[in-house]
Amino acid sequence: VRLVESGGGLVQAGGSLRLSCAASRSIFSVNVM
């Protein structure tokens, strides 16, 4: 399975970010991530 992370960046203290992780095929339904 290929995992691709995105959403990082430079943020000031107190700020927010949302990271995403996409999998190349269906594997989530039975795995702890």
PDB file of all heavy atoms in Angstrom:
ATOM      1  N   VAL A   1       0.843  -1.184   0.000  1.00  0.00           N
ATOM      2  CA  VAL A   1       0.000   0.000   0.000  1.00  0.00           C
ATOM      3  C   VAL A   1       0.883   1.240   0.000  1.00  0.00           C
ATOM      4  O   VAL A   1       1.864   1.317   0.735  1.00  0.00           O
ATOM      5  CB  VAL A   1      -0.909   0.014   1.237  1.00  0.00           C
ATOM      6  CG1 VAL A   1      -1.703   1.315   1.298  1.00  0.00           C
ATOM      7  CG2 VAL A   1      -1.832  -1.185   1.219  1.00  0.00           C
ATOM      8  N   ARG A   2       0.525   2.191  -0.846  1.00  0.00           N
ATOM      9  CA  ARG A   2       1.254   3.455  -0.873  1.00  0.00           C
ATOM     10  C   ARG A   2       0.451   4.491  -0.091  1.00  0.00           C
ATOM     11  O   ARG A   2      -0.753   4.665  -0.315  1.00  0.00           O
ATOM     12  CB  ARG A   2       1.445   3.913  -2.309  1.00  0.00           C
ATOM     13  CG  ARG A   2       2.249   5.180  -2.463  1.00  0.00           C
ATOM     14  CD  ARG A   2       2.649   5.395  -3.927  1.00  0.00           C
ATOM     15  NE  ARG A   2       3.296   6.672  -4.119  1.00  0.00           N
ATOM     16  CZ  ARG A   2       2.756   7.704  -4.753  1.00  0.00           C
ATOM     17  NH1 ARG A   2       1.532   7.587  -5.264  1.00  0.00           N
ATOM     18  NH2 ARG A   2       3.407   8.830  -4.894  1.00  0.00           N
ATOM     19  N   LEU A   3       1.120   5.182   0.829  1.00  0.00           N
ATOM     20  CA  LEU A   3       0.496   6.206   1.654  1.00  0.00           C
ATOM     21  C   LEU A   3       1.093   7.553   1.294  1.00  0.00           C
ATOM     22  O   LEU A   3       2.319   7.707   1.267  1.00  0.00           O
ATOM     23  CB  LEU A   3       0.723   5.895   3.136  1.00  0.00           C
ATOM     24  CG  LEU A   3       0.155   4.558   3.618  1.00  0.00           C
ATOM     25  CD1 LEU A   3       0.715   4.193   4.988  1.00  0.00           C
ATOM     26  CD2 LEU A   3      -1.373   4.612   3.678  1.00  0.00           C
ATOM     27  N   VAL A   4       0.246   8.539   1.034  1.00  0.00           N
ATOM     28  CA  VAL A   4       0.699   9.865   0.629  1.00  0.00           C
ATOM     29  C   VAL A   4       0.119  10.900   1.579  1.00  0.00           C
ATOM     30  O   VAL A   4      -1.108  11.057   1.663  1.00  0.00           O
ATOM     31  CB  VAL A   4       0.279  10.180  -0.821  1.00  0.00           C
ATOM     32  CG1 VAL A   4       0.760  11.577  -1.209  1.00  0.00           C
ATOM     33  CG2 VAL A   4       0.835   9.129  -1.775  1.00  0.00           C
ATOM     34  N   GLU A   5       1.005  11.596   2.270  1.00  0.00           N
ATOM     35  CA  GLU A   5       0.606  12.617   3.217  1.00  0.00           C
ATOM     36  C   GLU A   5       0.649  13.999   2.563  1.00  0.00           C
ATOM     37  O   GLU A   5       1.479  14.246   1.690  1.00  0.00           O
ATOM     38  CB  GLU A   5       1.538  12.623   4.437  1.00  0.00           C
ATOM     39  CG  GLU A   5       1.630  11.307   5.173  1.00  0.00           C
ATOM     40  CD  GLU A   5       2.745  10.395   4.672  1.00  0.00           C
ATOM     41  OE1 GLU A   5       3.308  10.669   3.589  1.00  0.00           O
ATOM     42  OE2 GLU A   5       3.059   9.411   5.366  1.00  0.00           O
ATOM     43  N   SER A   6      -0.232  14.879   3.019  1.00  0.00           N
ATOM     44  CA  SER A   6      -0.250  16.250   2.512  1.00  0.00           C
ATOM     45  C   SER A   6      -0.857  17.168   3.559  1.00  0.00           C
ATOM     46  O   SER A   6      -1.427  16.698   4.544  1.00  0.00           O
ATOM     47  CB  SER A   6      -1.062  16.331   1.211  1.00  0.00           C
ATOM     48  OG  SER A   6      -2.411  15.957   1.442  1.00  0.00           O
ATOM     49  N   GLY A   7      -0.719  18.473   3.334  1.00  0.00           N
ATOM     50  CA  GLY A   7      -1.371  19.450   4.190  1.00  0.00           C
ATOM     51  C   GLY A   7      -0.463  20.188   5.146  1.00  0.00           C
ATOM     52  O   GLY A   7      -0.916  21.079   5.866  1.00  0.00           O
ATOM     53  N   GLY A   8       0.809  19.851   5.176  1.00  0.00           N
ATOM     54  CA  GLY A   8       1.720  20.535   6.073  1.00  0.00           C
ATOM     55  C   GLY A   8       2.014  21.947   5.619  1.00  0.00           C
ATOM     56  O   GLY A   8       1.572  22.396   4.555  1.00  0.00           O
ATOM     57  N   GLY A   9       2.756  22.665   6.449  1.00  0.00           N
ATOM     58  CA  GLY A   9       3.119  24.030   6.106  1.00  0.00           C
ATOM     59  C   GLY A   9       3.705  24.758   7.289  1.00  0.00           C
ATOM     60  O   GLY A   9       3.980  24.167   8.331  1.00  0.00           O
ATOM     61  N   LEU A  10       3.899  26.053   7.088  1.00  0.00           N
ATOM     62  CA  LEU A  10       4.416  26.934   8.138  1.00  0.00           C
ATOM     63  C   LEU A  10       3.231  27.634   8.787  1.00  0.00           C
ATOM     64  O   LEU A  10       2.391  28.212   8.084  1.00  0.00           O
ATOM     65  CB  LEU A  10       5.372  27.957   7.528  1.00  0.00           C
ATOM     66  CG  LEU A  10       5.907  29.045   8.459  1.00  0.00           C
ATOM     67  CD1 LEU A  10       6.790  28.429   9.542  1.00  0.00           C
ATOM     68  CD2 LEU A  10       6.687  30.082   7.649  1.00  0.00           C
ATOM     69  N   VAL A  11       3.162  27.567  10.095  1.00  0.00           N
ATOM     70  CA  VAL A  11       2.025  28.165  10.790  1.00  0.00           C
ATOM     71  C   VAL A  11       2.501  28.828  12.070  1.00  0.00           C
ATOM     72  O   VAL A  11       3.426  28.325  12.730  1.00  0.00           O
ATOM     73  CB  VAL A  11       0.947  27.099  11.088  1.00  0.00           C
ATOM     74  CG1 VAL A  11       1.480  26.000  11.979  1.00  0.00           C
ATOM     75  CG2 VAL A  11      -0.306  27.722  11.653  1.00  0.00           C
ATOM     76  N   GLN A  12       1.886  29.934  12.416  1.00  0.00           N
ATOM     77  CA  GLN A  12       2.253  30.624  13.644  1.00  0.00           C
ATOM     78  C   GLN A  12       1.722  29.866  14.853  1.00  0.00           C
ATOM     79  O   GLN A  12       0.735  29.129  14.765  1.00  0.00           O
ATOM     80  CB  GLN A  12       1.682  32.046  13.639  1.00  0.00           C
ATOM     81  CG  GLN A  12       2.386  32.976  12.684  1.00  0.00           C
ATOM     82  CD  GLN A  12       1.940  34.415  12.850  1.00  0.00           C
ATOM     83  OE1 GLN A  12       0.805  34.681  13.238  1.00  0.00           O
ATOM     84  NE2 GLN A  12       2.823  35.353  12.556  1.00  0.00           N
ATOM     85  N   ALA A  13       2.366  30.065  15.980  1.00  0.00           N
ATOM     86  CA  ALA A  13       1.903  29.450  17.215  1.00  0.00           C
ATOM     87  C   ALA A  13       0.441  29.816  17.442  1.00  0.00           C
ATOM     88  O   ALA A  13       0.040  30.965  17.272  1.00  0.00           O
ATOM     89  CB  ALA A  13       2.757  29.900  18.383  1.00  0.00           C
ATOM     90  N   GLY A  14      -0.332  28.783  17.801  1.00  0.00           N
ATOM     91  CA  GLY A  14      -1.756  28.989  18.007  1.00  0.00           C
ATOM     92  C   GLY A  14      -2.607  28.728  16.778  1.00  0.00           C
ATOM     93  O   GLY A  14      -3.836  28.701  16.864  1.00  0.00           O
ATOM     94  N   GLY A  15      -1.956  28.538  15.667  1.00  0.00           N
ATOM     95  CA  GLY A  15      -2.674  28.307  14.416  1.00  0.00           C
ATOM     96  C   GLY A  15      -3.112  26.863  14.243  1.00  0.00           C
ATOM     97  O   GLY A  15      -2.898  26.017  15.123  1.00  0.00           O
ATOM     98  N   SER A  16      -3.712  26.584  13.087  1.00  0.00           N
ATOM     99  CA  SER A  16      -4.251  25.250  12.805  1.00  0.00           C
ATOM    100  C   SER A  16      -3.809  24.761  11.436  1.00  0.00           C
ATOM    101  O   SER A  16      -3.554  25.560  10.526  1.00  0.00           O
ATOM    102  CB  SER A  16      -5.788  25.287  12.843  1.00  0.00           C
ATOM    103  OG  SER A  16      -6.261  25.632  14.117  1.00  0.00           O
ATOM    104  N   LEU A  17      -3.734  23.452  11.322  1.00  0.00           N
ATOM    105  CA  LEU A  17      -3.489  22.788  10.048  1.00  0.00           C
ATOM    106  C   LEU A  17      -4.297  21.503  10.026  1.00  0.00           C
ATOM    107  O   LEU A  17      -4.564  20.911  11.080  1.00  0.00           O
ATOM    108  CB  LEU A  17      -2.010  22.441   9.860  1.00  0.00           C
ATOM    109  CG  LEU A  17      -1.037  23.525   9.461  1.00  0.00           C
ATOM    110  CD1 LEU A  17       0.389  22.972   9.479  1.00  0.00           C
ATOM    111  CD2 LEU A  17      -1.362  24.101   8.088  1.00  0.00           C
ATOM    112  N   ARG A  18      -4.638  21.068   8.828  1.00  0.00           N
ATOM    113  CA  ARG A  18      -5.298  19.779   8.674  1.00  0.00           C
ATOM    114  C   ARG A  18      -4.462  18.924   7.721  1.00  0.00           C
ATOM    115  O   ARG A  18      -4.282  19.283   6.560  1.00  0.00           O
ATOM    116  CB  ARG A  18      -6.704  19.927   8.113  1.00  0.00           C
ATOM    117  CG  ARG A  18      -7.492  18.601   8.125  1.00  0.00           C
ATOM    118  CD  ARG A  18      -8.756  18.715   7.317  1.00  0.00           C
ATOM    119  NE  ARG A  18      -9.675  17.616   7.569  1.00  0.00           N
ATOM    120  CZ  ARG A  18     -10.539  17.163   6.666  1.00  0.00           C
ATOM    121  NH1 ARG A  18     -10.603  17.723   5.473  1.00  0.00           N
ATOM    122  NH2 ARG A  18     -11.353  16.166   6.972  1.00  0.00           N
ATOM    123  N   LEU A  19      -3.955  17.817   8.251  1.00  0.00           N
ATOM    124  CA  LEU A  19      -3.169  16.896   7.445  1.00  0.00           C
ATOM    125  C   LEU A  19      -4.072  15.824   6.869  1.00  0.00           C
ATOM    126  O   LEU A  19      -5.042  15.398   7.500  1.00  0.00           O
ATOM    127  CB  LEU A  19      -2.072  16.243   8.280  1.00  0.00           C
ATOM    128  CG  LEU A  19      -1.139  17.186   9.042  1.00  0.00           C
ATOM    129  CD1 LEU A  19      -0.050  16.384   9.757  1.00  0.00           C
ATOM    130  CD2 LEU A  19      -0.538  18.224   8.137  1.00  0.00           C
ATOM    131  N   SER A  20      -3.725  15.376   5.667  1.00  0.00           N
ATOM    132  CA  SER A  20      -4.474  14.311   5.011  1.00  0.00           C
ATOM    133  C   SER A  20      -3.535  13.179   4.622  1.00  0.00           C
ATOM    134  O   SER A  20      -2.370  13.407   4.309  1.00  0.00           O
ATOM    135  CB  SER A  20      -5.170  14.838   3.746  1.00  0.00           C
ATOM    136  OG  SER A  20      -6.099  15.851   4.058  1.00  0.00           O
ATOM    137  N   CYS A  21      -4.066  11.980   4.614  1.00  0.00           N
ATOM    138  CA  CYS A  21      -3.298  10.805   4.200  1.00  0.00           C
ATOM    139  C   CYS A  21      -4.180   9.984   3.278  1.00  0.00           C
ATOM    140  O   CYS A  21      -5.287   9.576   3.665  1.00  0.00           O
ATOM    141  CB  CYS A  21      -2.884   9.989   5.409  1.00  0.00           C
ATOM    142  SG  CYS A  21      -2.134   8.395   5.021  1.00  0.00           S
ATOM    143  N   ALA A  22      -3.694   9.743   2.083  1.00  0.00           N
ATOM    144  CA  ALA A  22      -4.427   8.967   1.092  1.00  0.00           C
ATOM    145  C   ALA A  22      -3.734   7.632   0.870  1.00  0.00           C
ATOM    146  O   ALA A  22      -2.507   7.583   0.728  1.00  0.00           O
ATOM    147  CB  ALA A  22      -4.508   9.735  -0.220  1.00  0.00           C
ATOM    148  N   ALA A  23      -4.523   6.568   0.825  1.00  0.00           N
ATOM    149  CA  ALA A  23      -3.981   5.234   0.577  1.00  0.00           C
ATOM    150  C   ALA A  23      -4.260   4.827  -0.859  1.00  0.00           C
ATOM    151  O   ALA A  23      -5.276   5.205  -1.439  1.00  0.00           O
ATOM    152  CB  ALA A  23      -4.595   4.223   1.523  1.00  0.00           C
ATOM    153  N   SER A  24      -3.357   4.008  -1.400  1.00  0.00           N
ATOM    154  CA  SER A  24      -3.477   3.610  -2.797  1.00  0.00           C
ATOM    155  C   SER A  24      -4.555   2.573  -3.029  1.00  0.00           C
ATOM    156  O   SER A  24      -4.960   2.343  -4.150  1.00  0.00           O
ATOM    157  CB  SER A  24      -2.134   3.085  -3.318  1.00  0.00           C
ATOM    158  OG  SER A  24      -1.709   1.983  -2.522  1.00  0.00           O
ATOM    159  N   ARG A  25      -4.992   1.915  -1.999  1.00  0.00           N
ATOM    160  CA  ARG A  25      -6.081   0.966  -2.134  1.00  0.00           C
ATOM    161  C   ARG A  25      -6.793   0.816  -0.812  1.00  0.00           C
ATOM    162  O   ARG A  25      -6.332   1.302   0.210  1.00  0.00           O
ATOM    163  CB  ARG A  25      -5.569  -0.392  -2.627  1.00  0.00           C
ATOM    164  CG  ARG A  25      -4.569  -1.087  -1.722  1.00  0.00           C
ATOM    165  CD  ARG A  25      -4.161  -2.430  -2.294  1.00  0.00           C
ATOM    166  NE  ARG A  25      -3.112  -3.076  -1.510  1.00  0.00           N
ATOM    167  CZ  ARG A  25      -3.344  -3.864  -0.484  1.00  0.00           C
ATOM    168  NH1 ARG A  25      -4.581  -4.091  -0.094  1.00  0.00           N
ATOM    169  NH2 ARG A  25      -2.331  -4.427   0.169  1.00  0.00           N
ATOM    170  N   SER A  26      -7.904   0.160  -0.853  1.00  0.00           N
ATOM    171  CA  SER A  26      -8.734   0.054   0.336  1.00  0.00           C
ATOM    172  C   SER A  26      -8.091  -0.849   1.369  1.00  0.00           C
ATOM    173  O   SER A  26      -7.943  -2.048   1.143  1.00  0.00           O
ATOM    174  CB  SER A  26     -10.114  -0.499  -0.038  1.00  0.00           C
ATOM    175  OG  SER A  26     -10.894  -0.669   1.118  1.00  0.00           O
ATOM    176  N   ILE A  27      -7.692  -0.260   2.483  1.00  0.00           N
ATOM    177  CA  ILE A  27      -7.064  -1.040   3.541  1.00  0.00           C
ATOM    178  C   ILE A  27      -7.519  -0.562   4.909  1.00  0.00           C
ATOM    179  O   ILE A  27      -7.247  -1.196   5.911  1.00  0.00           O
ATOM    180  CB  ILE A  27      -5.526  -0.930   3.475  1.00  0.00           C
ATOM    181  CG1 ILE A  27      -5.084   0.531   3.280  1.00  0.00           C
ATOM    182  CG2 ILE A  27      -4.968  -1.801   2.370  1.00  0.00           C
ATOM    183  CD1 ILE A  27      -4.961   1.343   4.518  1.00  0.00           C
ATOM    184  N   PHE A  28      -8.211   0.558   4.938  1.00  0.00           N
ATOM    185  CA  PHE A  28      -8.488   1.162   6.226  1.00  0.00           C
ATOM    186  C   PHE A  28      -9.525   0.415   7.048  1.00  0.00           C
ATOM    187  O   PHE A  28      -9.486   0.459   8.258  1.00  0.00           O
ATOM    188  CB  PHE A  28      -8.957   2.606   6.041  1.00  0.00           C
ATOM    189  CG  PHE A  28      -7.877   3.532   5.586  1.00  0.00           C
ATOM    190  CD1 PHE A  28      -8.190   4.729   4.989  1.00  0.00           C
ATOM    191  CD2 PHE A  28      -6.545   3.212   5.764  1.00  0.00           C
ATOM    192  CE1 PHE A  28      -7.203   5.595   4.572  1.00  0.00           C
ATOM    193  CE2 PHE A  28      -5.540   4.074   5.352  1.00  0.00           C
ATOM    194  CZ  PHE A  28      -5.884   5.274   4.752  1.00  0.00           C
ATOM    195  N   SER A  29     -10.440  -0.225   6.361  1.00  0.00           N
ATOM    196  CA  SER A  29     -11.597  -0.739   7.079  1.00  0.00           C
ATOM    197  C   SER A  29     -11.243  -1.775   8.132  1.00  0.00           C
ATOM    198  O   SER A  29     -12.023  -2.007   9.047  1.00  0.00           O
ATOM    199  CB  SER A  29     -12.604  -1.327   6.087  1.00  0.00           C
ATOM    200  OG  SER A  29     -12.039  -2.427   5.409  1.00  0.00           O
ATOM    201  N   VAL A  30     -10.074  -2.408   8.022  1.00  0.00           N
ATOM    202  CA  VAL A  30      -9.716  -3.454   8.979  1.00  0.00           C
ATOM    203  C   VAL A  30      -8.429  -3.139   9.724  1.00  0.00           C
ATOM    204  O   VAL A  30      -7.897  -4.007  10.416  1.00  0.00           O
ATOM    205  CB  VAL A  30      -9.589  -4.813   8.275  1.00  0.00           C
ATOM    206  CG1 VAL A  30     -10.932  -5.252   7.730  1.00  0.00           C
ATOM    207  CG2 VAL A  30      -8.534  -4.779   7.176  1.00  0.00           C
ATOM    208  N   ASN A  31      -7.893  -1.941   9.572  1.00  0.00           N
ATOM    209  CA  ASN A  31      -6.605  -1.623  10.175  1.00  0.00           C
ATOM    210  C   ASN A  31      -6.672  -0.406  11.091  1.00  0.00           C
ATOM    211  O   ASN A  31      -7.384   0.554  10.809  1.00  0.00           O
ATOM    212  CB  ASN A  31      -5.566  -1.329   9.082  1.00  0.00           C
ATOM    213  CG  ASN A  31      -5.094  -2.592   8.403  1.00  0.00           C
ATOM    214  OD1 ASN A  31      -4.265  -3.331   8.922  1.00  0.00           O
ATOM    215  ND2 ASN A  31      -5.646  -2.852   7.230  1.00  0.00           N
ATOM    216  N   VAL A  32      -5.911  -0.486  12.174  1.00  0.00           N
ATOM    217  CA  VAL A  32      -5.686   0.696  12.990  1.00  0.00           C
ATOM    218  C   VAL A  32      -4.706   1.583  12.240  1.00  0.00           C
ATOM    219  O   VAL A  32      -3.688   1.111  11.738  1.00  0.00           O
ATOM    220  CB  VAL A  32      -5.106   0.319  14.369  1.00  0.00           C
ATOM    221  CG1 VAL A  32      -4.827   1.576  15.194  1.00  0.00           C
ATOM    222  CG2 VAL A  32      -6.052  -0.615  15.102  1.00  0.00           C
ATOM    223  N   MET A  33      -5.022   2.852  12.130  1.00  0.00           N
ATOM    224  CA  MET A  33      -4.164   3.807  11.433  1.00  0.00           C
ATOM    225  C   MET A  33      -3.673   4.865  12.411  1.00  0.00           C
ATOM    226  O   MET A  33      -4.361   5.203  13.381  1.00  0.00           O
ATOM    227  CB  MET A  33      -4.924   4.474  10.291  1.00  0.00           C
ATOM    228  CG  MET A  33      -5.390   3.523   9.214  1.00  0.00           C
ATOM    229  SD  MET A  33      -4.044   2.642   8.398  1.00  0.00           S
ATOM    230  CE  MET A  33      -3.085   3.976   7.713  1.00  0.00           C
TER     231      MET A  33
END
